[in-house]
Structures are given as C-alpha cells and as structure tokens.
Amino acid sequence: MVVIRLSRGGAKKRPFFNVIVTDSRNRRDGRFIERIGFYNPVASGGAESFRIAADRLAHWQGVGAQLSPTVERLVRAEKKVV
C-alpha cells in the first residue's frame, strides 16, 4: 500500500520532517517515491513550519494513497488556517 507519511531529518534535538510518498513496507527514513512537502516543528519567528504541495497530495490520494495519522492532522490544521 502507498502511504503519505513523515521522514525524519535534521540534527539531534532539532527535528525536521519531509512529507513523503512511499510504500508502507519501506523504512521510515528509507526509500521513497516523491517528496511533497515538509514539517518543521521547531520553526520560530516568521519561519514557515508546514508546507505541502496540494496538487500532488490530491493526485496521490486520487490513486489510493493513505495518509498517516500525523500527516492527516497536519493537513486538517493547515486547511483550517487557510
């Protein structure tokens, strides 16, 4: 199954996550199909904390990709803001 989830990057105590499309059998930080956004939980000031390509998200959901619970929460929160 294809899933849209977070892949961790960044330094120790400074997490940064890429929003990726991958096969559910792949490891969290392993091989992925496409990077469609990012999430920075420690963004400060005017820095952008979450961005996702809405057109690519709609495409992947249209072909059957499932959102992870965390990505679903972030997308819902982003839609409320906009």
C-alpha atoms as a PDB file:
ATOM      1  CA  MET A   1       0.000   0.000   0.000  1.00  0.00           C
ATOM      2  CA  VAL A   2       1.214   3.509  -0.794  1.00  0.00           C
ATOM      3  CA  VAL A   3       1.268   5.825   2.219  1.00  0.00           C
ATOM      4  CA  ILE A   4       1.967   9.533   2.764  1.00  0.00           C
ATOM      5  CA  ARG A   5       3.980   9.965   5.948  1.00  0.00           C
ATOM      6  CA  LEU A   6       6.813  11.852   7.641  1.00  0.00           C
ATOM      7  CA  SER A   7      10.508  11.061   7.243  1.00  0.00           C
ATOM      8  CA  ARG A   8      12.786  12.480   9.937  1.00  0.00           C
ATOM      9  CA  GLY A   9      15.838  14.574   9.206  1.00  0.00           C
ATOM     10  CA  GLY A  10      17.643  17.374  10.986  1.00  0.00           C
ATOM     11  CA  ALA A  11      20.078  17.314  13.847  1.00  0.00           C
ATOM     12  CA  LYS A  12      19.855  15.943  17.364  1.00  0.00           C
ATOM     13  CA  LYS A  13      17.189  17.864  19.315  1.00  0.00           C
ATOM     14  CA  ARG A  14      16.347  19.841  16.116  1.00  0.00           C
ATOM     15  CA  PRO A  15      13.899  17.648  14.172  1.00  0.00           C
ATOM     16  CA  PHE A  16      12.878  18.368  10.594  1.00  0.00           C
ATOM     17  CA  PHE A  17      10.462  16.156   8.707  1.00  0.00           C
ATOM     18  CA  ASN A  18       9.880  15.657   4.992  1.00  0.00           C
ATOM     19  CA  VAL A  19       6.386  14.683   3.890  1.00  0.00           C
ATOM     20  CA  ILE A  20       6.963  11.763   1.541  1.00  0.00           C
ATOM     21  CA  VAL A  21       5.027   9.263  -0.555  1.00  0.00           C
ATOM     22  CA  THR A  22       6.333   5.734  -0.076  1.00  0.00           C
ATOM     23  CA  ASP A  23       5.434   2.071   0.016  1.00  0.00           C
ATOM     24  CA  SER A  24       4.282   1.163   3.519  1.00  0.00           C
ATOM     25  CA  ARG A  25       6.857  -1.655   3.691  1.00  0.00           C
ATOM     26  CA  ASN A  26       9.812   0.750   3.403  1.00  0.00           C
ATOM     27  CA  ARG A  27      11.592   2.061   6.482  1.00  0.00           C
ATOM     28  CA  ARG A  28      10.701   5.476   7.919  1.00  0.00           C
ATOM     29  CA  ASP A  29      13.799   7.210   6.530  1.00  0.00           C
ATOM     30  CA  GLY A  30      14.354   4.786   3.660  1.00  0.00           C
ATOM     31  CA  ARG A  31      13.434   4.778   0.002  1.00  0.00           C
ATOM     32  CA  PHE A  32      10.535   6.964  -1.114  1.00  0.00           C
ATOM     33  CA  ILE A  33       8.651   7.735  -4.322  1.00  0.00           C
ATOM     34  CA  GLU A  34       8.219  11.504  -4.035  1.00  0.00           C
ATOM     35  CA  ARG A  35       8.784  14.333  -1.546  1.00  0.00           C
ATOM     36  CA  ILE A  36       5.699  16.541  -1.468  1.00  0.00           C
ATOM     37  CA  GLY A  37       6.362  18.865   1.474  1.00  0.00           C
ATOM     38  CA  PHE A  38       7.963  19.448   4.847  1.00  0.00           C
ATOM     39  CA  TYR A  39       7.150  19.982   8.526  1.00  0.00           C
ATOM     40  CA  ASN A  40       9.403  21.904  10.904  1.00  0.00           C
ATOM     41  CA  PRO A  41       8.046  21.576  14.466  1.00  0.00           C
ATOM     42  CA  VAL A  42      10.672  23.947  15.937  1.00  0.00           C
ATOM     43  CA  ALA A  43      10.155  26.806  13.450  1.00  0.00           C
ATOM     44  CA  SER A  44      10.441  30.147  15.190  1.00  0.00           C
ATOM     45  CA  GLY A  45       9.537  33.689  14.296  1.00  0.00           C
ATOM     46  CA  GLY A  46       8.168  34.112  10.797  1.00  0.00           C
ATOM     47  CA  ALA A  47       9.600  30.818   9.553  1.00  0.00           C
ATOM     48  CA  GLU A  48       7.205  28.505   7.756  1.00  0.00           C
ATOM     49  CA  SER A  49       6.516  25.376   9.779  1.00  0.00           C
ATOM     50  CA  PHE A  50       4.453  23.290   7.333  1.00  0.00           C
ATOM     51  CA  ARG A  51       4.145  23.217   3.549  1.00  0.00           C
ATOM     52  CA  ILE A  52       2.637  20.623   1.266  1.00  0.00           C
ATOM     53  CA  ALA A  53       2.013  20.613  -2.479  1.00  0.00           C
ATOM     54  CA  ALA A  54      -1.791  20.415  -2.546  1.00  0.00           C
ATOM     55  CA  ASP A  55      -1.921  19.284  -6.173  1.00  0.00           C
ATOM     56  CA  ARG A  56       0.461  16.367  -5.535  1.00  0.00           C
ATOM     57  CA  LEU A  57      -1.420  15.436  -2.344  1.00  0.00           C
ATOM     58  CA  ALA A  58      -4.688  15.332  -4.297  1.00  0.00           C
ATOM     59  CA  HIS A  59      -3.039  13.262  -7.044  1.00  0.00           C
ATOM     60  CA  TRP A  60      -1.694  10.632  -4.654  1.00  0.00           C
ATOM     61  CA  GLN A  61      -4.952  10.424  -2.709  1.00  0.00           C
ATOM     62  CA  GLY A  62      -6.751  10.035  -6.036  1.00  0.00           C
ATOM     63  CA  VAL A  63      -4.699   6.950  -6.884  1.00  0.00           C
ATOM     64  CA  GLY A  64      -5.309   5.387  -3.459  1.00  0.00           C
ATOM     65  CA  ALA A  65      -2.516   6.590  -1.158  1.00  0.00           C
ATOM     66  CA  GLN A  66      -3.411   6.670   2.547  1.00  0.00           C
ATOM     67  CA  LEU A  67      -2.368   9.480   4.916  1.00  0.00           C
ATOM     68  CA  SER A  68      -0.626   8.625   8.166  1.00  0.00           C
ATOM     69  CA  PRO A  69      -2.490   9.923  11.251  1.00  0.00           C
ATOM     70  CA  THR A  70       0.094  12.659  11.846  1.00  0.00           C
ATOM     71  CA  VAL A  71       0.058  13.909   8.254  1.00  0.00           C
ATOM     72  CA  GLU A  72      -3.743  13.842   8.289  1.00  0.00           C
ATOM     73  CA  ARG A  73      -3.745  16.008  11.445  1.00  0.00           C
ATOM     74  CA  LEU A  74      -1.281  18.485   9.896  1.00  0.00           C
ATOM     75  CA  VAL A  75      -3.251  18.758   6.628  1.00  0.00           C
ATOM     76  CA  ARG A  76      -6.501  19.326   8.525  1.00  0.00           C
ATOM     77  CA  ALA A  77      -4.870  22.046  10.643  1.00  0.00           C
ATOM     78  CA  GLU A  78      -3.460  23.711   7.516  1.00  0.00           C
ATOM     79  CA  LYS A  79      -6.888  23.771   5.850  1.00  0.00           C
ATOM     80  CA  LYS A  80      -8.370  25.494   8.929  1.00  0.00           C
ATOM     81  CA  VAL A  81      -5.738  28.242   8.767  1.00  0.00           C
ATOM     82  CA  VAL A  82      -6.220  28.954   5.056  1.00  0.00           C
END
